[in-house]
Amino acid sequence: MKITYHGQSTFLVEANGHAVIIDPFLSGNPKAVLKPEDVKVDAVLLSHGHGDHILDAEQIAKQNDAVLIAPNELAVYFGSKGVKVHPMHIGGAHQFPFGRVKLTLAFHGSGIDSPDGFLYAGMPSGILLTMGEKTLYHAGDTALFGDMKLIGDRNAIDVALLPIGDNFTMGPEDAVYAAELIHAKHTVPMHYNTFDLIAQDPHAFVRELEIKGLAGHVLEYGQSLEV
């Protein structure tokens, strides 16, 4: 499994000749090196409906004729825009040609700021993605919660992607504790430094992980981790 970071909570995941993108926010991020029109994927996975997670989802899904996988209400919204969708919900799993997706709890909000007003986008989620016999946990935007231990205990997680930005999600201290609960083989920080309100030092976060005996990795934009 090859995991490439593209800023905020956007990751391109590749294995066995397949590729998916999670929470694509590229055109709205001036730091992003990947352009939406250059993305080639089998599927688009969304954790929730906020703009910094869905901005380029419609374009990428349509140009690839890719399935968009999301919590039910969010999937229905994109389906109404002509996107090929697969609705899911918290606790549910499904086997796709590229791998297995299961949605988990995430403690956050979910809504779409549209020309018609702010639309309800269902419950936010985390994503357990298994491709090429490796499992990735994308926590989505979330607070720390005790059932992260349950997620870690019931799944052999190779890589955990955890928000550290604070204010809207967990901050670094809570994310370190989350990493202990999840006990993944590798942890990568996300959802930080895109704008001033979520400015953090990811290297300091990784140093705290290492003190706890956990492996952490800071990925720069366009940089990959292979597991």
Protein backbone atom coordinates (compact mmCIF):
# COMPACT_ATOMS: atom_id res chain seq x y z
CA MET A 1 0.00 0.00 0.00
CA LYS A 2 1.32 3.41 -1.03
CA ILE A 3 -0.15 6.44 0.75
CA THR A 4 0.54 9.92 -0.63
CA TYR A 5 -0.36 13.07 1.28
CA HIS A 6 -1.81 16.03 -0.59
CA GLY A 7 -2.59 18.43 2.25
CA GLN A 8 -5.35 18.92 4.83
CA SER A 9 -6.99 15.46 4.97
CA THR A 10 -6.42 14.45 1.35
CA PHE A 11 -4.65 11.16 0.65
CA LEU A 12 -4.15 9.13 -2.50
CA VAL A 13 -3.98 5.41 -1.66
CA GLU A 14 -2.67 2.86 -4.15
CA ALA A 15 -2.34 -0.93 -4.08
CA ASN A 16 -2.52 -3.82 -6.55
CA GLY A 17 -3.08 -1.55 -9.54
CA HIS A 18 -5.97 0.34 -7.92
CA ALA A 19 -6.13 3.88 -6.55
CA VAL A 20 -8.58 5.83 -4.40
CA ILE A 21 -8.57 9.39 -3.09
CA ILE A 22 -9.88 10.37 0.34
CA ASP A 23 -11.39 13.80 1.10
CA PRO A 24 -10.08 15.65 -1.98
CA PHE A 25 -9.38 19.32 -1.23
CA LEU A 26 -6.91 20.43 -3.87
CA SER A 27 -8.17 23.40 -5.90
CA GLY A 28 -8.96 25.31 -2.71
CA ASN A 29 -5.56 24.67 -1.13
CA PRO A 30 -2.83 26.92 -2.57
CA LYS A 31 -0.15 24.63 -1.11
CA ALA A 32 -1.39 21.55 -3.00
CA VAL A 33 0.92 20.23 -5.72
CA LEU A 34 -1.66 17.85 -7.24
CA LYS A 35 -4.38 19.32 -9.48
CA PRO A 36 -7.87 17.76 -9.54
CA GLU A 37 -7.71 17.26 -13.30
CA ASP A 38 -4.59 15.11 -12.89
CA VAL A 39 -6.13 12.66 -10.41
CA LYS A 40 -6.64 9.12 -11.72
CA VAL A 41 -8.63 6.89 -9.33
CA ASP A 42 -11.14 4.06 -9.11
CA ALA A 43 -13.07 5.69 -6.25
CA VAL A 44 -13.53 8.84 -4.19
CA LEU A 45 -14.02 8.32 -0.44
CA LEU A 46 -15.54 11.05 1.71
CA SER A 47 -15.61 11.23 5.50
CA HIS A 48 -18.09 14.12 5.83
CA GLY A 49 -19.58 17.10 4.03
CA HIS A 50 -17.41 20.09 4.92
CA GLY A 51 -15.89 22.02 2.03
CA ASP A 52 -12.28 21.27 2.94
CA HIS A 53 -13.04 17.56 2.44
CA ILE A 54 -15.38 17.48 -0.58
CA LEU A 55 -14.40 20.46 -2.75
CA ASP A 56 -13.06 18.47 -5.71
CA ALA A 57 -15.04 15.26 -5.18
CA GLU A 58 -17.58 15.82 -7.97
CA GLN A 59 -14.99 16.75 -10.59
CA ILE A 60 -12.68 13.85 -9.76
CA ALA A 61 -15.48 11.29 -9.66
CA LYS A 62 -17.00 12.39 -12.97
CA GLN A 63 -13.74 12.67 -14.93
CA ASN A 64 -12.77 9.14 -13.85
CA ASP A 65 -16.26 7.62 -14.00
CA ALA A 66 -15.36 6.63 -10.44
CA VAL A 67 -17.71 5.62 -7.66
CA LEU A 68 -18.07 8.11 -4.82
CA ILE A 69 -18.37 6.37 -1.44
CA ALA A 70 -19.74 8.35 1.50
CA PRO A 71 -22.20 8.33 4.40
CA ASN A 72 -25.71 7.96 3.00
CA GLU A 73 -26.97 11.55 3.02
CA LEU A 74 -23.74 12.89 1.54
CA ALA A 75 -23.77 10.21 -1.16
CA VAL A 76 -27.39 11.04 -2.01
CA TYR A 77 -26.41 14.71 -2.41
CA PHE A 78 -23.67 13.87 -4.92
CA GLY A 79 -25.95 11.37 -6.64
CA SER A 80 -28.39 14.22 -7.30
CA LYS A 81 -25.54 15.96 -9.16
CA GLY A 82 -25.04 13.06 -11.53
CA VAL A 83 -22.18 11.36 -9.70
CA LYS A 84 -22.05 7.55 -9.52
CA VAL A 85 -22.37 6.86 -5.78
CA HIS A 86 -22.35 4.07 -3.23
CA PRO A 87 -24.08 5.15 0.02
CA MET A 88 -22.88 3.64 3.30
CA HIS A 89 -23.36 4.36 6.98
CA ILE A 90 -21.60 4.08 10.32
CA GLY A 91 -20.62 0.51 11.17
CA GLY A 92 -21.31 -0.79 7.67
CA ALA A 93 -18.71 -2.37 5.41
CA HIS A 94 -18.62 -3.28 1.73
CA GLN A 95 -16.18 -5.11 -0.54
CA PHE A 96 -15.34 -3.17 -3.71
CA PRO A 97 -13.10 -4.26 -6.60
CA PHE A 98 -10.28 -2.12 -5.18
CA GLY A 99 -10.70 -3.24 -1.55
CA ARG A 100 -12.89 -3.14 1.54
CA VAL A 101 -14.37 0.00 3.09
CA LYS A 102 -15.91 0.26 6.54
CA LEU A 103 -17.20 3.47 8.10
CA THR A 104 -16.53 4.18 11.76
CA LEU A 105 -17.62 6.73 14.30
CA ALA A 106 -16.23 10.26 14.16
CA PHE A 107 -17.30 13.01 16.56
CA HIS A 108 -17.69 16.16 14.47
CA GLY A 109 -20.32 17.79 12.22
CA SER A 110 -21.26 17.45 8.57
CA GLY A 111 -22.94 19.97 6.30
CA ILE A 112 -22.63 21.48 2.84
CA ASP A 113 -22.48 25.24 2.31
CA SER A 114 -24.43 25.40 -0.97
CA PRO A 115 -26.17 28.17 -2.98
CA ASP A 116 -29.42 26.80 -1.55
CA GLY A 117 -28.20 27.28 2.03
CA PHE A 118 -26.46 25.02 4.49
CA LEU A 119 -27.50 21.44 3.75
CA TYR A 120 -27.47 18.56 6.22
CA ALA A 121 -24.93 15.98 5.06
CA GLY A 122 -25.57 13.15 7.51
CA MET A 123 -23.22 11.86 10.15
CA PRO A 124 -19.46 12.33 9.87
CA SER A 125 -17.37 9.18 9.73
CA GLY A 126 -13.93 7.68 9.90
CA ILE A 127 -12.85 5.25 7.20
CA LEU A 128 -11.23 1.83 7.50
CA LEU A 129 -9.79 1.02 4.08
CA THR A 130 -8.22 -2.36 3.30
CA MET A 131 -6.27 -2.68 0.05
CA GLY A 132 -3.57 -5.17 -0.82
CA GLU A 133 -3.88 -6.90 2.59
CA LYS A 134 -3.03 -3.63 4.38
CA THR A 135 -5.48 -1.59 6.44
CA LEU A 136 -5.55 2.17 6.76
CA TYR A 137 -7.63 4.12 9.28
CA HIS A 138 -8.52 7.65 8.18
CA ALA A 139 -10.09 9.12 11.32
CA GLY A 140 -11.79 11.99 9.49
CA ASP A 141 -12.38 15.17 11.43
CA THR A 142 -12.95 14.04 14.98
CA ALA A 143 -12.50 14.60 18.66
CA LEU A 144 -10.77 12.02 20.80
CA PHE A 145 -13.22 9.29 21.83
CA GLY A 146 -12.84 6.13 23.86
CA ASP A 147 -14.06 3.73 21.17
CA MET A 148 -10.89 4.40 19.21
CA LYS A 149 -9.56 1.59 21.40
CA LEU A 150 -12.31 -0.66 20.07
CA ILE A 151 -11.37 0.27 16.50
CA GLY A 152 -7.73 -0.55 17.23
CA ASP A 153 -8.50 -3.77 19.08
CA ARG A 154 -10.77 -5.15 16.36
CA ASN A 155 -8.63 -4.20 13.37
CA ALA A 156 -4.95 -4.76 12.60
CA ILE A 157 -4.27 -1.21 11.46
CA ASP A 158 -1.11 -0.62 9.48
CA VAL A 159 -1.44 3.16 9.17
CA ALA A 160 -3.56 5.63 11.17
CA LEU A 161 -4.17 9.11 9.74
CA LEU A 162 -5.06 11.42 12.64
CA PRO A 163 -6.06 15.10 12.72
CA ILE A 164 -3.89 17.29 14.95
CA GLY A 165 -5.00 20.83 14.07
CA ASP A 166 -7.03 21.53 17.23
CA ASN A 167 -9.94 24.03 17.33
CA PHE A 168 -12.10 21.98 14.91
CA THR A 169 -10.65 18.52 15.74
CA MET A 170 -8.30 16.83 18.16
CA GLY A 171 -5.15 18.74 18.99
CA PRO A 172 -1.73 17.08 19.22
CA GLU A 173 -2.06 15.95 22.86
CA ASP A 174 -5.37 14.20 22.24
CA ALA A 175 -4.06 12.76 18.97
CA VAL A 176 -1.08 11.19 20.76
CA TYR A 177 -3.50 9.51 23.17
CA ALA A 178 -5.65 8.42 20.22
CA ALA A 179 -2.59 6.83 18.62
CA GLU A 180 -1.99 4.87 21.83
CA LEU A 181 -5.58 3.58 21.75
CA ILE A 182 -5.42 2.63 18.08
CA HIS A 183 -1.90 1.09 18.26
CA ALA A 184 -1.32 1.25 14.51
CA LYS A 185 2.06 0.27 13.13
CA HIS A 186 2.45 3.79 11.69
CA THR A 187 0.74 7.13 12.43
CA VAL A 188 0.59 10.13 10.11
CA PRO A 189 -0.74 13.56 11.16
CA MET A 190 -3.26 15.43 9.00
CA HIS A 191 -5.64 18.42 9.11
CA TYR A 192 -3.08 21.01 10.19
CA ASN A 193 -1.31 24.14 8.82
CA THR A 194 -3.67 24.66 5.87
CA PHE A 195 -4.69 27.93 7.54
CA ASP A 196 -3.58 29.81 10.63
CA LEU A 197 -6.32 28.61 12.98
CA ILE A 198 -5.06 25.02 12.76
CA ALA A 199 -1.32 25.75 12.76
CA GLN A 200 0.66 22.99 14.49
CA ASP A 201 4.16 21.50 14.53
CA PRO A 202 3.77 17.97 13.12
CA HIS A 203 7.38 17.11 13.97
CA ALA A 204 6.72 17.83 17.64
CA PHE A 205 3.69 15.52 17.41
CA VAL A 206 5.84 12.74 15.95
CA ARG A 207 8.45 13.22 18.68
CA GLU A 208 5.72 12.71 21.28
CA LEU A 209 4.64 9.53 19.51
CA GLU A 210 8.21 8.25 19.60
CA ILE A 211 8.40 8.90 23.35
CA LYS A 212 5.41 6.55 23.64
CA GLY A 213 7.19 3.95 21.51
CA LEU A 214 5.01 4.60 18.46
CA ALA A 215 6.18 5.13 14.88
CA GLY A 216 5.12 8.46 13.40
CA HIS A 217 5.77 10.05 10.01
CA VAL A 218 5.40 13.64 8.81
CA LEU A 219 4.52 13.64 5.11
CA GLU A 220 5.10 16.78 3.08
CA TYR A 221 2.76 17.60 0.20
CA GLY A 222 3.25 14.95 -2.48
CA GLN A 223 5.34 12.71 -0.22
CA SER A 224 4.48 9.02 0.17
CA LEU A 225 4.67 6.28 2.78
CA GLU A 226 4.76 2.65 1.66
CA VAL A 227 3.72 -0.16 4.03
